[in-house]
Full PDB file with SEQRES, HELIX, SHEET, SSBOND, CRYST1, ORIGX, SCALE, CONECT and MASTER records, all heavy atoms in Angstrom:
SEQRES   1 A   40  ARG ALA ARG ARG GLU ALA PHE TYR GLY ARG ILE ASP ALA          
SEQRES   2 A   40  SER HIS CYS THR PRO LEU TRP GLU VAL LEU HIS GLY LEU          
SEQRES   3 A   40  ILE THR PRO THR PRO SER THR PRO CYS GLN PRO CYS HIS          
SEQRES   4 A   40  TRP                                                          
HELIX    1 AA1 ALA A    2  ASP A   12  1                                  11    
HELIX    2 AA2 LEU A   19  LEU A   26  1                                   8    
CRYST1    1.000    1.000    1.000  90.00  90.00  90.00 P 1           1          
ORIGX1      1.000000  0.000000  0.000000        0.00000                         
ORIGX2      0.000000  1.000000  0.000000        0.00000                         
ORIGX3      0.000000  0.000000  1.000000        0.00000                         
SCALE1      1.000000  0.000000  0.000000        0.00000                         
SCALE2      0.000000  1.000000  0.000000        0.00000                         
SCALE3      0.000000  0.000000  1.000000        0.00000                         
ATOM      1  N   ARG A   1      -9.244  -4.048 -14.274  1.00  0.00           N  
ATOM      2  CA  ARG A   1      -7.978  -3.506 -13.718  1.00  0.00           C  
ATOM      3  C   ARG A   1      -8.306  -2.054 -13.285  1.00  0.00           C  
ATOM      4  O   ARG A   1      -7.785  -1.614 -12.140  1.00  0.00           O  
ATOM      5  CB  ARG A   1      -6.898  -3.595 -14.724  1.00  0.00           C  
ATOM      6  CG  ARG A   1      -5.528  -3.101 -14.177  1.00  0.00           C  
ATOM      7  CD  ARG A   1      -4.332  -3.392 -15.127  1.00  0.00           C  
ATOM      8  NE  ARG A   1      -4.167  -4.744 -15.404  1.00  0.00           N  
ATOM      9  CZ  ARG A   1      -4.481  -5.492 -16.461  1.00  0.00           C  
ATOM     10  NH1 ARG A   1      -5.118  -4.825 -17.487  1.00  0.00           N  
ATOM     11  NH2 ARG A   1      -4.234  -6.728 -16.621  1.00  0.00           N  
ATOM     12  N   ALA A   2      -8.869  -1.277 -14.103  1.00  0.00           N  
ATOM     13  CA  ALA A   2      -9.125   0.154 -13.763  1.00  0.00           C  
ATOM     14  C   ALA A   2     -10.044   0.364 -12.562  1.00  0.00           C  
ATOM     15  O   ALA A   2      -9.837   1.154 -11.723  1.00  0.00           O  
ATOM     16  CB  ALA A   2      -9.778   0.899 -14.988  1.00  0.00           C  
ATOM     17  N   ARG A   3     -11.036  -0.502 -12.478  1.00  0.00           N  
ATOM     18  CA  ARG A   3     -12.010  -0.433 -11.421  1.00  0.00           C  
ATOM     19  C   ARG A   3     -11.303  -0.694 -10.039  1.00  0.00           C  
ATOM     20  O   ARG A   3     -11.508  -0.218  -9.001  1.00  0.00           O  
ATOM     21  CB  ARG A   3     -13.136  -1.427 -11.386  1.00  0.00           C  
ATOM     22  CG  ARG A   3     -14.168  -0.914 -12.665  1.00  0.00           C  
ATOM     23  CD  ARG A   3     -15.145  -2.015 -13.010  1.00  0.00           C  
ATOM     24  NE  ARG A   3     -15.988  -2.428 -11.866  1.00  0.00           N  
ATOM     25  CZ  ARG A   3     -16.698  -3.607 -11.747  1.00  0.00           C  
ATOM     26  NH1 ARG A   3     -16.706  -4.354 -12.890  1.00  0.00           N  
ATOM     27  NH2 ARG A   3     -17.366  -3.808 -10.724  1.00  0.00           N  
ATOM     28  N   ARG A   4     -10.410  -1.809 -10.207  1.00  0.00           N  
ATOM     29  CA  ARG A   4      -9.665  -2.197  -8.964  1.00  0.00           C  
ATOM     30  C   ARG A   4      -8.712  -1.100  -8.473  1.00  0.00           C  
ATOM     31  O   ARG A   4      -8.696  -0.736  -7.313  1.00  0.00           O  
ATOM     32  CB  ARG A   4      -8.866  -3.509  -9.175  1.00  0.00           C  
ATOM     33  CG  ARG A   4      -9.696  -4.749  -9.198  1.00  0.00           C  
ATOM     34  CD  ARG A   4      -8.804  -5.976  -9.342  1.00  0.00           C  
ATOM     35  NE  ARG A   4      -9.623  -7.121  -9.468  1.00  0.00           N  
ATOM     36  CZ  ARG A   4      -9.136  -8.393  -9.663  1.00  0.00           C  
ATOM     37  NH1 ARG A   4      -7.767  -8.522  -9.580  1.00  0.00           N  
ATOM     38  NH2 ARG A   4      -9.932  -9.465  -9.710  1.00  0.00           N  
ATOM     39  N   GLU A   5      -8.012  -0.505  -9.448  1.00  0.00           N  
ATOM     40  CA  GLU A   5      -7.064   0.634  -9.123  1.00  0.00           C  
ATOM     41  C   GLU A   5      -7.891   1.741  -8.459  1.00  0.00           C  
ATOM     42  O   GLU A   5      -7.346   2.400  -7.528  1.00  0.00           O  
ATOM     43  CB  GLU A   5      -6.295   1.092 -10.316  1.00  0.00           C  
ATOM     44  CG  GLU A   5      -5.278   0.038 -10.835  1.00  0.00           C  
ATOM     45  CD  GLU A   5      -4.181  -0.335  -9.787  1.00  0.00           C  
ATOM     46  OE1 GLU A   5      -3.831   0.598  -9.016  1.00  0.00           O  
ATOM     47  OE2 GLU A   5      -3.842  -1.442  -9.764  1.00  0.00           O  
ATOM     48  N   ALA A   6      -9.033   2.031  -8.949  1.00  0.00           N  
ATOM     49  CA  ALA A   6      -9.828   3.141  -8.436  1.00  0.00           C  
ATOM     50  C   ALA A   6     -10.247   2.816  -6.981  1.00  0.00           C  
ATOM     51  O   ALA A   6     -10.276   3.626  -6.199  1.00  0.00           O  
ATOM     52  CB  ALA A   6     -11.090   3.366  -9.277  1.00  0.00           C  
ATOM     53  N   PHE A   7     -10.668   1.472  -6.707  1.00  0.00           N  
ATOM     54  CA  PHE A   7     -10.975   1.061  -5.444  1.00  0.00           C  
ATOM     55  C   PHE A   7      -9.852   1.213  -4.476  1.00  0.00           C  
ATOM     56  O   PHE A   7     -10.094   1.660  -3.333  1.00  0.00           O  
ATOM     57  CB  PHE A   7     -11.524  -0.335  -5.503  1.00  0.00           C  
ATOM     58  CG  PHE A   7     -11.803  -1.054  -4.229  1.00  0.00           C  
ATOM     59  CD1 PHE A   7     -12.871  -0.535  -3.281  1.00  0.00           C  
ATOM     60  CD2 PHE A   7     -10.949  -2.072  -3.678  1.00  0.00           C  
ATOM     61  CE1 PHE A   7     -13.000  -1.096  -2.167  1.00  0.00           C  
ATOM     62  CE2 PHE A   7     -11.205  -2.616  -2.500  1.00  0.00           C  
ATOM     63  CZ  PHE A   7     -12.163  -2.237  -1.663  1.00  0.00           C  
ATOM     64  N   TYR A   8      -8.664   0.799  -4.902  1.00  0.00           N  
ATOM     65  CA  TYR A   8      -7.517   0.876  -4.069  1.00  0.00           C  
ATOM     66  C   TYR A   8      -7.197   2.335  -3.750  1.00  0.00           C  
ATOM     67  O   TYR A   8      -6.794   2.660  -2.503  1.00  0.00           O  
ATOM     68  CB  TYR A   8      -6.264   0.330  -4.733  1.00  0.00           C  
ATOM     69  CG  TYR A   8      -6.364  -1.239  -5.066  1.00  0.00           C  
ATOM     70  CD1 TYR A   8      -5.570  -1.812  -5.991  1.00  0.00           C  
ATOM     71  CD2 TYR A   8      -7.281  -2.034  -4.391  1.00  0.00           C  
ATOM     72  CE1 TYR A   8      -5.667  -3.112  -6.276  1.00  0.00           C  
ATOM     73  CE2 TYR A   8      -7.389  -3.395  -4.737  1.00  0.00           C  
ATOM     74  CZ  TYR A   8      -6.550  -3.958  -5.722  1.00  0.00           C  
ATOM     75  OH  TYR A   8      -6.706  -5.191  -6.014  1.00  0.00           O  
ATOM     76  N   GLY A   9      -7.433   3.250  -4.595  1.00  0.00           N  
ATOM     77  CA  GLY A   9      -7.219   4.600  -4.350  1.00  0.00           C  
ATOM     78  C   GLY A   9      -8.207   5.190  -3.248  1.00  0.00           C  
ATOM     79  O   GLY A   9      -7.848   5.977  -2.427  1.00  0.00           O  
ATOM     80  N   ARG A  10      -9.533   4.704  -3.430  1.00  0.00           N  
ATOM     81  CA  ARG A  10     -10.479   5.072  -2.327  1.00  0.00           C  
ATOM     82  C   ARG A  10     -10.230   4.639  -0.896  1.00  0.00           C  
ATOM     83  O   ARG A  10     -10.223   5.450   0.015  1.00  0.00           O  
ATOM     84  CB  ARG A  10     -11.872   4.647  -2.865  1.00  0.00           C  
ATOM     85  CG  ARG A  10     -12.346   5.259  -4.075  1.00  0.00           C  
ATOM     86  CD  ARG A  10     -13.915   5.095  -4.351  1.00  0.00           C  
ATOM     87  NE  ARG A  10     -14.348   3.800  -4.232  1.00  0.00           N  
ATOM     88  CZ  ARG A  10     -14.424   2.903  -5.271  1.00  0.00           C  
ATOM     89  NH1 ARG A  10     -13.929   3.337  -6.519  1.00  0.00           N  
ATOM     90  NH2 ARG A  10     -14.866   1.652  -5.198  1.00  0.00           N  
ATOM     91  N   ILE A  11      -9.801   3.404  -0.874  1.00  0.00           N  
ATOM     92  CA  ILE A  11      -9.575   2.920   0.434  1.00  0.00           C  
ATOM     93  C   ILE A  11      -8.158   3.401   1.052  1.00  0.00           C  
ATOM     94  O   ILE A  11      -8.009   3.441   2.210  1.00  0.00           O  
ATOM     95  CB  ILE A  11      -9.566   1.386   0.547  1.00  0.00           C  
ATOM     96  CG1 ILE A  11      -8.424   0.734  -0.352  1.00  0.00           C  
ATOM     97  CG2 ILE A  11     -10.957   0.831   0.042  1.00  0.00           C  
ATOM     98  CD1 ILE A  11      -8.343  -0.780  -0.177  1.00  0.00           C  
ATOM     99  N   ASP A  12      -7.228   3.801   0.093  1.00  0.00           N  
ATOM    100  CA  ASP A  12      -6.022   4.285   0.631  1.00  0.00           C  
ATOM    101  C   ASP A  12      -6.121   5.604   1.401  1.00  0.00           C  
ATOM    102  O   ASP A  12      -5.542   5.870   2.423  1.00  0.00           O  
ATOM    103  CB  ASP A  12      -5.122   4.593  -0.583  1.00  0.00           C  
ATOM    104  CG  ASP A  12      -3.740   5.157  -0.125  1.00  0.00           C  
ATOM    105  OD1 ASP A  12      -3.019   4.393   0.435  1.00  0.00           O  
ATOM    106  OD2 ASP A  12      -3.476   6.317  -0.429  1.00  0.00           O  
ATOM    107  N   ALA A  13      -7.257   6.363   1.088  1.00  0.00           N  
ATOM    108  CA  ALA A  13      -7.533   7.576   1.794  1.00  0.00           C  
ATOM    109  C   ALA A  13      -7.975   7.346   3.242  1.00  0.00           C  
ATOM    110  O   ALA A  13      -7.880   8.145   4.124  1.00  0.00           O  
ATOM    111  CB  ALA A  13      -8.494   8.456   1.117  1.00  0.00           C  
ATOM    112  N   SER A  14      -8.460   5.981   3.502  1.00  0.00           N  
ATOM    113  CA  SER A  14      -8.855   5.741   4.800  1.00  0.00           C  
ATOM    114  C   SER A  14      -7.813   4.754   5.541  1.00  0.00           C  
ATOM    115  O   SER A  14      -8.046   4.092   6.393  1.00  0.00           O  
ATOM    116  CB  SER A  14     -10.161   4.938   4.739  1.00  0.00           C  
ATOM    117  OG  SER A  14     -11.195   5.857   4.401  1.00  0.00           O  
ATOM    118  N   HIS A  15      -6.532   4.782   5.035  1.00  0.00           N  
ATOM    119  CA  HIS A  15      -5.408   4.080   5.567  1.00  0.00           C  
ATOM    120  C   HIS A  15      -5.685   2.572   5.569  1.00  0.00           C  
ATOM    121  O   HIS A  15      -5.435   1.912   6.570  1.00  0.00           O  
ATOM    122  CB  HIS A  15      -5.148   4.631   7.040  1.00  0.00           C  
ATOM    123  CG  HIS A  15      -4.994   6.111   7.175  1.00  0.00           C  
ATOM    124  ND1 HIS A  15      -4.161   6.813   6.499  1.00  0.00           N  
ATOM    125  CD2 HIS A  15      -5.894   7.034   7.810  1.00  0.00           C  
ATOM    126  CE1 HIS A  15      -4.235   8.115   6.690  1.00  0.00           C  
ATOM    127  NE2 HIS A  15      -5.388   8.268   7.480  1.00  0.00           N  
ATOM    128  N   CYS A  16      -6.161   2.040   4.513  1.00  0.00           N  
ATOM    129  CA  CYS A  16      -6.377   0.626   4.262  1.00  0.00           C  
ATOM    130  C   CYS A  16      -5.582   0.263   2.984  1.00  0.00           C  
ATOM    131  O   CYS A  16      -5.338   0.936   2.099  1.00  0.00           O  
ATOM    132  CB  CYS A  16      -7.864   0.326   3.963  1.00  0.00           C  
ATOM    133  SG  CYS A  16      -8.943   0.738   5.415  1.00  0.00           S  
ATOM    134  N   THR A  17      -5.221  -1.084   2.969  1.00  0.00           N  
ATOM    135  CA  THR A  17      -4.649  -1.663   1.755  1.00  0.00           C  
ATOM    136  C   THR A  17      -5.203  -3.075   1.610  1.00  0.00           C  
ATOM    137  O   THR A  17      -5.601  -3.680   2.553  1.00  0.00           O  
ATOM    138  CB  THR A  17      -3.080  -1.801   1.922  1.00  0.00           C  
ATOM    139  OG1 THR A  17      -2.522  -1.939   0.658  1.00  0.00           O  
ATOM    140  CG2 THR A  17      -2.735  -2.836   2.924  1.00  0.00           C  
ATOM    141  N   PRO A  18      -5.433  -3.624   0.370  1.00  0.00           N  
ATOM    142  CA  PRO A  18      -5.976  -4.867   0.151  1.00  0.00           C  
ATOM    143  C   PRO A  18      -4.865  -5.997   0.374  1.00  0.00           C  
ATOM    144  O   PRO A  18      -3.814  -6.053  -0.173  1.00  0.00           O  
ATOM    145  CB  PRO A  18      -6.249  -4.884  -1.311  1.00  0.00           C  
ATOM    146  CG  PRO A  18      -5.389  -3.869  -2.015  1.00  0.00           C  
ATOM    147  CD  PRO A  18      -5.070  -2.842  -0.935  1.00  0.00           C  
ATOM    148  N   LEU A  19      -5.301  -6.952   1.265  1.00  0.00           N  
ATOM    149  CA  LEU A  19      -4.386  -7.968   1.672  1.00  0.00           C  
ATOM    150  C   LEU A  19      -3.962  -8.775   0.569  1.00  0.00           C  
ATOM    151  O   LEU A  19      -2.829  -9.355   0.436  1.00  0.00           O  
ATOM    152  CB  LEU A  19      -5.082  -8.922   2.759  1.00  0.00           C  
ATOM    153  CG  LEU A  19      -4.270 -10.130   3.170  1.00  0.00           C  
ATOM    154  CD1 LEU A  19      -2.920  -9.735   3.792  1.00  0.00           C  
ATOM    155  CD2 LEU A  19      -5.080 -10.979   4.164  1.00  0.00           C  
ATOM    156  N   TRP A  20      -4.939  -9.035  -0.409  1.00  0.00           N  
ATOM    157  CA  TRP A  20      -4.644  -9.888  -1.544  1.00  0.00           C  
ATOM    158  C   TRP A  20      -3.514  -9.371  -2.490  1.00  0.00           C  
ATOM    159  O   TRP A  20      -2.977 -10.150  -3.194  1.00  0.00           O  
ATOM    160  CB  TRP A  20      -5.817 -10.213  -2.386  1.00  0.00           C  
ATOM    161  CG  TRP A  20      -6.607  -8.983  -2.855  1.00  0.00           C  
ATOM    162  CD1 TRP A  20      -6.371  -8.293  -4.057  1.00  0.00           C  
ATOM    163  CD2 TRP A  20      -7.630  -8.307  -2.219  1.00  0.00           C  
ATOM    164  NE1 TRP A  20      -7.271  -7.283  -4.234  1.00  0.00           N  
ATOM    165  CE2 TRP A  20      -8.041  -7.199  -3.140  1.00  0.00           C  
ATOM    166  CE3 TRP A  20      -8.341  -8.558  -1.001  1.00  0.00           C  
ATOM    167  CZ2 TRP A  20      -9.040  -6.280  -2.754  1.00  0.00           C  
ATOM    168  CZ3 TRP A  20      -9.380  -7.588  -0.680  1.00  0.00           C  
ATOM    169  CH2 TRP A  20      -9.684  -6.528  -1.569  1.00  0.00           C  
ATOM    170  N   GLU A  21      -3.199  -8.181  -2.311  1.00  0.00           N  
ATOM    171  CA  GLU A  21      -2.103  -7.531  -3.124  1.00  0.00           C  
ATOM    172  C   GLU A  21      -0.785  -7.773  -2.447  1.00  0.00           C  
ATOM    173  O   GLU A  21       0.313  -7.469  -3.037  1.00  0.00           O  
ATOM    174  CB  GLU A  21      -2.372  -6.072  -3.429  1.00  0.00           C  
ATOM    175  CG  GLU A  21      -3.568  -5.766  -4.364  1.00  0.00           C  
ATOM    176  CD  GLU A  21      -3.161  -6.188  -5.748  1.00  0.00           C  
ATOM    177  OE1 GLU A  21      -1.976  -6.213  -6.127  1.00  0.00           O  
ATOM    178  OE2 GLU A  21      -4.130  -6.469  -6.464  1.00  0.00           O  
ATOM    179  N   VAL A  22      -0.769  -7.978  -1.208  1.00  0.00           N  
ATOM    180  CA  VAL A  22       0.500  -7.941  -0.378  1.00  0.00           C  
ATOM    181  C   VAL A  22       0.721  -9.326   0.325  1.00  0.00           C  
ATOM    182  O   VAL A  22       1.878  -9.498   0.929  1.00  0.00           O  
ATOM    183  CB  VAL A  22       0.580  -6.823   0.653  1.00  0.00           C  
ATOM    184  CG1 VAL A  22       0.571  -5.492  -0.082  1.00  0.00           C  
ATOM    185  CG2 VAL A  22      -0.531  -7.076   1.637  1.00  0.00           C  
ATOM    186  N   LEU A  23      -0.204 -10.214   0.308  1.00  0.00           N  
ATOM    187  CA  LEU A  23      -0.145 -11.422   1.133  1.00  0.00           C  
ATOM    188  C   LEU A  23       1.104 -12.353   0.883  1.00  0.00           C  
ATOM    189  O   LEU A  23       1.730 -12.781   1.741  1.00  0.00           O  
ATOM    190  CB  LEU A  23      -1.481 -12.259   0.808  1.00  0.00           C  
ATOM    191  CG  LEU A  23      -1.478 -13.625   1.583  1.00  0.00           C  
ATOM    192  CD1 LEU A  23      -1.489 -13.475   3.082  1.00  0.00           C  
ATOM    193  CD2 LEU A  23      -2.786 -14.435   1.109  1.00  0.00           C  
ATOM    194  N   HIS A  24       1.485 -12.506  -0.453  1.00  0.00           N  
ATOM    195  CA  HIS A  24       2.569 -13.324  -0.779  1.00  0.00           C  
ATOM    196  C   HIS A  24       3.904 -12.765  -0.321  1.00  0.00           C  
ATOM    197  O   HIS A  24       4.851 -13.584  -0.025  1.00  0.00           O  
ATOM    198  CB  HIS A  24       2.707 -13.666  -2.256  1.00  0.00           C  
ATOM    199  CG  HIS A  24       1.431 -14.383  -2.801  1.00  0.00           C  
ATOM    200  ND1 HIS A  24       1.126 -15.623  -2.417  1.00  0.00           N  
ATOM    201  CD2 HIS A  24       0.563 -14.036  -3.647  1.00  0.00           C  
ATOM    202  CE1 HIS A  24       0.056 -16.041  -2.903  1.00  0.00           C  
ATOM    203  NE2 HIS A  24      -0.380 -15.078  -3.658  1.00  0.00           N  
ATOM    204  N   GLY A  25       3.940 -11.555  -0.129  1.00  0.00           N  
ATOM    205  CA  GLY A  25       5.172 -10.928   0.398  1.00  0.00           C  
ATOM    206  C   GLY A  25       5.185 -10.834   1.851  1.00  0.00           C  
ATOM    207  O   GLY A  25       6.249 -10.748   2.563  1.00  0.00           O  
ATOM    208  N   LEU A  26       3.986 -10.837   2.439  1.00  0.00           N  
ATOM    209  CA  LEU A  26       3.738 -10.668   3.910  1.00  0.00           C  
ATOM    210  C   LEU A  26       3.974 -11.941   4.625  1.00  0.00           C  
ATOM    211  O   LEU A  26       4.655 -11.988   5.709  1.00  0.00           O  
ATOM    212  CB  LEU A  26       2.370 -10.146   4.234  1.00  0.00           C  
ATOM    213  CG  LEU A  26       2.087  -9.599   5.594  1.00  0.00           C  
ATOM    214  CD1 LEU A  26       2.946  -8.460   5.993  1.00  0.00           C  
ATOM    215  CD2 LEU A  26       0.638  -9.260   5.670  1.00  0.00           C  
ATOM    216  N   ILE A  27       3.427 -13.034   4.127  1.00  0.00           N  
ATOM    217  CA  ILE A  27       3.484 -14.330   4.778  1.00  0.00           C  
ATOM    218  C   ILE A  27       4.186 -15.297   3.754  1.00  0.00           C  
ATOM    219  O   ILE A  27       3.557 -15.721   2.852  1.00  0.00           O  
ATOM    220  CB  ILE A  27       2.234 -14.890   5.131  1.00  0.00           C  
ATOM    221  CG1 ILE A  27       1.479 -13.977   6.124  1.00  0.00           C  
ATOM    222  CG2 ILE A  27       2.341 -16.234   5.804  1.00  0.00           C  
ATOM    223  CD1 ILE A  27       0.086 -14.392   6.546  1.00  0.00           C  
ATOM    224  N   THR A  28       5.512 -15.378   3.862  1.00  0.00           N  
ATOM    225  CA  THR A  28       6.338 -16.192   2.926  1.00  0.00           C  
ATOM    226  C   THR A  28       6.476 -17.593   3.247  1.00  0.00           C  
ATOM    227  O   THR A  28       6.268 -18.050   4.418  1.00  0.00           O  
ATOM    228  CB  THR A  28       7.747 -15.448   2.770  1.00  0.00           C  
ATOM    229  OG1 THR A  28       8.285 -15.616   4.028  1.00  0.00           O  
ATOM    230  CG2 THR A  28       7.647 -14.065   2.300  1.00  0.00           C  
ATOM    231  N   PRO A  29       6.772 -18.537   2.284  1.00  0.00           N  
ATOM    232  CA  PRO A  29       6.814 -19.998   2.626  1.00  0.00           C  
ATOM    233  C   PRO A  29       7.993 -20.272   3.549  1.00  0.00           C  
ATOM    234  O   PRO A  29       7.837 -21.163   4.278  1.00  0.00           O  
ATOM    235  CB  PRO A  29       7.008 -20.552   1.160  1.00  0.00           C  
ATOM    236  CG  PRO A  29       6.497 -19.549   0.208  1.00  0.00           C  
ATOM    237  CD  PRO A  29       6.756 -18.209   0.833  1.00  0.00           C  
ATOM    238  N   THR A  30       9.038 -19.567   3.363  1.00  0.00           N  
ATOM    239  CA  THR A  30      10.266 -19.776   4.324  1.00  0.00           C  
ATOM    240  C   THR A  30      10.644 -18.345   4.780  1.00  0.00           C  
ATOM    241  O   THR A  30      10.398 -17.338   4.085  1.00  0.00           O  
ATOM    242  CB  THR A  30      11.365 -20.484   3.655  1.00  0.00           C  
ATOM    243  OG1 THR A  30      11.748 -19.843   2.460  1.00  0.00           O  
ATOM    244  CG2 THR A  30      10.973 -21.869   3.215  1.00  0.00           C  
ATOM    245  N   PRO A  31      11.521 -18.227   5.838  1.00  0.00           N  
ATOM    246  CA  PRO A  31      12.015 -16.915   6.214  1.00  0.00           C  
ATOM    247  C   PRO A  31      12.648 -16.231   5.044  1.00  0.00           C  
ATOM    248  O   PRO A  31      13.442 -16.695   4.281  1.00  0.00           O  
ATOM    249  CB  PRO A  31      13.002 -17.240   7.342  1.00  0.00           C  
ATOM    250  CG  PRO A  31      12.516 -18.592   7.919  1.00  0.00           C  
ATOM    251  CD  PRO A  31      11.982 -19.350   6.699  1.00  0.00           C  
ATOM    252  N   SER A  32      12.392 -14.820   5.057  1.00  0.00           N  
ATOM    253  CA  SER A  32      12.921 -13.924   4.089  1.00  0.00           C  
ATOM    254  C   SER A  32      13.515 -12.878   4.862  1.00  0.00           C  
ATOM    255  O   SER A  32      12.896 -12.176   5.541  1.00  0.00           O  
ATOM    256  CB  SER A  32      11.773 -13.475   3.145  1.00  0.00           C  
ATOM    257  OG  SER A  32      12.323 -12.497   2.250  1.00  0.00           O  
ATOM    258  N   THR A  33      14.863 -12.690   4.741  1.00  0.00           N  
ATOM    259  CA  THR A  33      15.567 -11.643   5.507  1.00  0.00           C  
ATOM    260  C   THR A  33      16.575 -10.989   4.641  1.00  0.00           C  
ATOM    261  O   THR A  33      17.219 -11.568   3.754  1.00  0.00           O  
ATOM    262  CB  THR A  33      16.315 -12.303   6.717  1.00  0.00           C  
ATOM    263  OG1 THR A  33      17.061 -11.313   7.526  1.00  0.00           O  
ATOM    264  CG2 THR A  33      17.194 -13.317   6.264  1.00  0.00           C  
ATOM    265  N   PRO A  34      16.779  -9.681   4.896  1.00  0.00           N  
ATOM    266  CA  PRO A  34      17.849  -8.909   4.224  1.00  0.00           C  
ATOM    267  C   PRO A  34      19.163  -9.128   4.824  1.00  0.00           C  
ATOM    268  O   PRO A  34      20.242  -8.666   4.367  1.00  0.00           O  
ATOM    269  CB  PRO A  34      17.356  -7.398   4.362  1.00  0.00           C  
ATOM    270  CG  PRO A  34      16.525  -7.388   5.579  1.00  0.00           C  
ATOM    271  CD  PRO A  34      15.855  -8.745   5.717  1.00  0.00           C  
ATOM    272  N   CYS A  35      19.139  -9.873   6.083  1.00  0.00           N  
ATOM    273  CA  CYS A  35      20.437 -10.042   6.745  1.00  0.00           C  
ATOM    274  C   CYS A  35      21.465 -10.764   5.919  1.00  0.00           C  
ATOM    275  O   CYS A  35      20.891 -11.816   5.227  1.00  0.00           O  
ATOM    276  CB  CYS A  35      20.121 -10.728   8.099  1.00  0.00           C  
ATOM    277  SG  CYS A  35      19.334  -9.633   9.182  1.00  0.00           S  
ATOM    278  N   GLN A  36      22.683 -10.455   5.927  1.00  0.00           N  
ATOM    279  CA  GLN A  36      23.599 -11.249   5.243  1.00  0.00           C  
ATOM    280  C   GLN A  36      24.717 -11.795   6.121  1.00  0.00           C  
ATOM    281  O   GLN A  36      24.884 -11.329   7.240  1.00  0.00           O  
ATOM    282  CB  GLN A  36      24.396 -10.260   4.271  1.00  0.00           C  
ATOM    283  CG  GLN A  36      23.428  -9.641   3.215  1.00  0.00           C  
ATOM    284  CD  GLN A  36      24.121  -8.636   2.345  1.00  0.00           C  
ATOM    285  OE1 GLN A  36      25.332  -8.560   2.197  1.00  0.00           O  
ATOM    286  NE2 GLN A  36      23.456  -7.675   1.821  1.00  0.00           N  
ATOM    287  N   PRO A  37      25.389 -12.950   5.749  1.00  0.00           N  
ATOM    288  CA  PRO A  37      26.517 -13.451   6.445  1.00  0.00           C  
ATOM    289  C   PRO A  37      27.603 -12.375   6.586  1.00  0.00           C  
ATOM    290  O   PRO A  37      27.800 -11.578   5.498  1.00  0.00           O  
ATOM    291  CB  PRO A  37      26.949 -14.645   5.771  1.00  0.00           C  
ATOM    292  CG  PRO A  37      25.858 -15.023   4.739  1.00  0.00           C  
ATOM    293  CD  PRO A  37      25.122 -13.763   4.516  1.00  0.00           C  
ATOM    294  N   CYS A  38      28.244 -12.161   7.602  1.00  0.00           N  
ATOM    295  CA  CYS A  38      29.274 -11.136   7.689  1.00  0.00           C  
ATOM    296  C   CYS A  38      30.275 -11.443   8.696  1.00  0.00           C  
ATOM    297  O   CYS A  38      30.029 -12.251   9.746  1.00  0.00           O  
ATOM    298  CB  CYS A  38      28.676  -9.762   7.997  1.00  0.00           C  
ATOM    299  SG  CYS A  38      29.825  -8.370   7.799  1.00  0.00           S  
ATOM    300  N   HIS A  39      31.518 -11.088   8.534  1.00  0.00           N  
ATOM    301  CA  HIS A  39      32.680 -11.444   9.352  1.00  0.00           C  
ATOM    302  C   HIS A  39      33.478 -10.157   9.780  1.00  0.00           C  
ATOM    303  O   HIS A  39      33.720  -9.338   8.799  1.00  0.00           O  
ATOM    304  CB  HIS A  39      33.644 -12.378   8.606  1.00  0.00           C  
ATOM    305  CG  HIS A  39      34.879 -12.736   9.240  1.00  0.00           C  
ATOM    306  ND1 HIS A  39      36.045 -13.031   8.617  1.00  0.00           N  
ATOM    307  CD2 HIS A  39      35.102 -12.998  10.514  1.00  0.00           C  
ATOM    308  CE1 HIS A  39      36.995 -13.276   9.402  1.00  0.00           C  
ATOM    309  NE2 HIS A  39      36.469 -13.320  10.649  1.00  0.00           N  
ATOM    310  N   TRP A  40      33.711  -9.928  11.023  1.00  0.00           N  
ATOM    311  CA  TRP A  40      34.461  -8.755  11.507  1.00  0.00           C  
ATOM    312  C   TRP A  40      35.746  -9.324  12.083  1.00  0.00           C  
ATOM    313  O   TRP A  40      35.862  -9.635  13.307  1.00  0.00           O  
ATOM    314  CB  TRP A  40      33.689  -7.999  12.562  1.00  0.00           C  
ATOM    315  CG  TRP A  40      32.459  -7.229  11.979  1.00  0.00           C  
ATOM    316  CD1 TRP A  40      32.496  -5.937  11.548  1.00  0.00           C  
ATOM    317  CD2 TRP A  40      31.170  -7.822  11.797  1.00  0.00           C  
ATOM    318  NE1 TRP A  40      31.143  -5.712  11.068  1.00  0.00           N  
ATOM    319  CE2 TRP A  40      30.406  -6.804  11.255  1.00  0.00           C  
ATOM    320  CE3 TRP A  40      30.534  -9.027  12.115  1.00  0.00           C  
ATOM    321  CZ2 TRP A  40      29.012  -6.916  11.044  1.00  0.00           C  
ATOM    322  CZ3 TRP A  40      29.205  -9.220  11.900  1.00  0.00           C  
ATOM    323  CH2 TRP A  40      28.483  -8.184  11.368  1.00  0.00           C  
TER     324      TRP A  40                                                      
MASTER        0    0    0    2    0    0    0    6  323    1    0    4          
END                                                                             
């Protein structure tokens, strides 16, 4: 865990991020939206 965190810190300085840490939130099984039903 410590080695990974250190690696993430090193690549962050070059404006990179590991896909495997964000994939599940980036490509979701169904649409994910903050939009809400609303009536005016």
